[in-house]
Amino acid sequence: MVELADALCKLLNDSNAKIQLSALDNFNKIFREILPFVELYIQLFYKSIITNLGSSNVGVRKNSESILKQVNDAIKDKSLLILPLVS
């Protein structure tokens, strides 16, 4: 599972905006099914998504905002979000 999280996070932070957009779109499509997995590796995912908020590509920024809101709403234990925000 760690390898999957690493691979997805690498795609979310790829230097090519088309790859980032594709990864964000696919992450959005499968998010509900992989929510327990996302909660387990929230630090990796949250850091990758927050990094995209500073992108110069408008599509990447907007999709990242949308996914970040979705993650924030879906995570039941909000204390999981403290560590990724602090680091």
C-alpha atoms as a PDB file:
ATOM      1  CA  MET A   1       0.000   0.000   0.000  1.00  0.00           C
ATOM      2  CA  VAL A   2       2.865   2.388   0.696  1.00  0.00           C
ATOM      3  CA  GLU A   3       4.088   1.941  -2.877  1.00  0.00           C
ATOM      4  CA  LEU A   4       0.654   2.881  -4.208  1.00  0.00           C
ATOM      5  CA  ALA A   5       0.539   5.998  -2.025  1.00  0.00           C
ATOM      6  CA  ASP A   6       4.037   6.998  -3.153  1.00  0.00           C
ATOM      7  CA  ALA A   7       3.215   6.454  -6.820  1.00  0.00           C
ATOM      8  CA  LEU A   8      -0.017   8.448  -6.641  1.00  0.00           C
ATOM      9  CA  CYS A   9       1.681  11.272  -4.768  1.00  0.00           C
ATOM     10  CA  LYS A  10       4.472  11.386  -7.363  1.00  0.00           C
ATOM     11  CA  LEU A  11       1.856  11.760 -10.097  1.00  0.00           C
ATOM     12  CA  LEU A  12       0.077  14.480  -8.129  1.00  0.00           C
ATOM     13  CA  ASN A  13       3.362  16.421  -7.961  1.00  0.00           C
ATOM     14  CA  ASP A  14       4.717  15.666 -11.427  1.00  0.00           C
ATOM     15  CA  SER A  15       6.289  18.615 -13.244  1.00  0.00           C
ATOM     16  CA  ASN A  16       3.953  18.081 -16.226  1.00  0.00           C
ATOM     17  CA  ALA A  17       0.619  19.837 -15.629  1.00  0.00           C
ATOM     18  CA  LYS A  18      -1.255  17.368 -17.867  1.00  0.00           C
ATOM     19  CA  ILE A  19      -0.100  14.479 -15.704  1.00  0.00           C
ATOM     20  CA  GLN A  20      -1.044  16.397 -12.554  1.00  0.00           C
ATOM     21  CA  LEU A  21      -4.509  17.130 -13.926  1.00  0.00           C
ATOM     22  CA  SER A  22      -5.000  13.509 -14.924  1.00  0.00           C
ATOM     23  CA  ALA A  23      -3.853  12.298 -11.496  1.00  0.00           C
ATOM     24  CA  LEU A  24      -6.146  14.803  -9.746  1.00  0.00           C
ATOM     25  CA  ASP A  25      -9.085  13.805 -11.924  1.00  0.00           C
ATOM     26  CA  ASN A  26      -8.511  10.095 -11.293  1.00  0.00           C
ATOM     27  CA  PHE A  27      -7.982  10.685  -7.577  1.00  0.00           C
ATOM     28  CA  ASN A  28     -11.297  12.537  -7.491  1.00  0.00           C
ATOM     29  CA  LYS A  29     -13.061   9.660  -9.281  1.00  0.00           C
ATOM     30  CA  ILE A  30     -11.821   6.953  -6.919  1.00  0.00           C
ATOM     31  CA  PHE A  31     -11.662   8.976  -3.706  1.00  0.00           C
ATOM     32  CA  ARG A  32     -14.752   7.505  -2.017  1.00  0.00           C
ATOM     33  CA  GLU A  33     -13.607   3.946  -2.659  1.00  0.00           C
ATOM     34  CA  ILE A  34     -10.109   4.533  -1.296  1.00  0.00           C
ATOM     35  CA  LEU A  35     -11.054   6.770   1.645  1.00  0.00           C
ATOM     36  CA  PRO A  36      -9.780   4.344   4.343  1.00  0.00           C
ATOM     37  CA  PHE A  37      -6.506   4.107   2.415  1.00  0.00           C
ATOM     38  CA  VAL A  38      -6.302   7.912   2.149  1.00  0.00           C
ATOM     39  CA  GLU A  39      -6.902   8.262   5.897  1.00  0.00           C
ATOM     40  CA  LEU A  40      -4.093   5.812   6.571  1.00  0.00           C
ATOM     41  CA  TYR A  41      -1.642   7.808   4.430  1.00  0.00           C
ATOM     42  CA  ILE A  42      -3.172  11.248   4.927  1.00  0.00           C
ATOM     43  CA  GLN A  43       0.202  12.921   5.509  1.00  0.00           C
ATOM     44  CA  LEU A  44       1.484  11.914   2.068  1.00  0.00           C
ATOM     45  CA  PHE A  45      -1.710  12.803   0.236  1.00  0.00           C
ATOM     46  CA  TYR A  46      -2.360  16.054   2.052  1.00  0.00           C
ATOM     47  CA  LYS A  47       1.179  17.318   1.427  1.00  0.00           C
ATOM     48  CA  SER A  48       0.907  16.486  -2.283  1.00  0.00           C
ATOM     49  CA  ILE A  49      -2.467  18.177  -2.643  1.00  0.00           C
ATOM     50  CA  ILE A  50      -1.425  21.295  -0.697  1.00  0.00           C
ATOM     51  CA  THR A  51       1.703  21.630  -2.834  1.00  0.00           C
ATOM     52  CA  ASN A  52      -0.526  21.855  -5.910  1.00  0.00           C
ATOM     53  CA  LEU A  53      -2.340  24.883  -4.478  1.00  0.00           C
ATOM     54  CA  GLY A  54       0.728  26.928  -5.439  1.00  0.00           C
ATOM     55  CA  SER A  55       0.729  25.736  -9.048  1.00  0.00           C
ATOM     56  CA  SER A  56       0.842  28.292 -11.856  1.00  0.00           C
ATOM     57  CA  ASN A  57      -1.686  26.151 -13.751  1.00  0.00           C
ATOM     58  CA  VAL A  58      -5.232  27.281 -12.932  1.00  0.00           C
ATOM     59  CA  GLY A  59      -6.714  23.831 -13.572  1.00  0.00           C
ATOM     60  CA  VAL A  60      -4.293  22.160 -11.191  1.00  0.00           C
ATOM     61  CA  ARG A  61      -5.027  24.756  -8.494  1.00  0.00           C
ATOM     62  CA  LYS A  62      -8.813  24.485  -8.844  1.00  0.00           C
ATOM     63  CA  ASN A  63      -8.826  20.675  -8.908  1.00  0.00           C
ATOM     64  CA  SER A  64      -6.524  20.597  -5.887  1.00  0.00           C
ATOM     65  CA  GLU A  65      -8.846  22.961  -4.004  1.00  0.00           C
ATOM     66  CA  SER A  66     -11.808  20.765  -4.837  1.00  0.00           C
ATOM     67  CA  ILE A  67     -10.070  17.590  -3.702  1.00  0.00           C
ATOM     68  CA  LEU A  68      -8.780  19.271  -0.554  1.00  0.00           C
ATOM     69  CA  LYS A  69     -12.330  20.289   0.375  1.00  0.00           C
ATOM     70  CA  GLN A  70     -13.537  16.776  -0.368  1.00  0.00           C
ATOM     71  CA  VAL A  71     -10.811  15.255   1.822  1.00  0.00           C
ATOM     72  CA  ASN A  72     -11.554  17.695   4.646  1.00  0.00           C
ATOM     73  CA  ASP A  73     -15.255  16.857   4.518  1.00  0.00           C
ATOM     74  CA  ALA A  74     -14.750  13.098   4.289  1.00  0.00           C
ATOM     75  CA  ILE A  75     -12.171  12.606   7.028  1.00  0.00           C
ATOM     76  CA  LYS A  76     -14.052  11.722  10.190  1.00  0.00           C
ATOM     77  CA  ASP A  77     -11.133  12.129  12.575  1.00  0.00           C
ATOM     78  CA  LYS A  78     -10.073  15.745  11.971  1.00  0.00           C
ATOM     79  CA  SER A  79      -7.078  15.303  14.271  1.00  0.00           C
ATOM     80  CA  LEU A  80      -5.447  13.384  11.389  1.00  0.00           C
ATOM     81  CA  LEU A  81      -5.160  16.711   9.549  1.00  0.00           C
ATOM     82  CA  ILE A  82      -3.118  18.472  12.235  1.00  0.00           C
ATOM     83  CA  LEU A  83       0.254  16.857  11.516  1.00  0.00           C
ATOM     84  CA  PRO A  84       0.185  17.404   7.725  1.00  0.00           C
ATOM     85  CA  LEU A  85      -0.770  21.047   8.244  1.00  0.00           C
ATOM     86  CA  VAL A  86       1.963  21.641  10.801  1.00  0.00           C
ATOM     87  CA  SER A  87       4.686  20.053   8.678  1.00  0.00           C
END
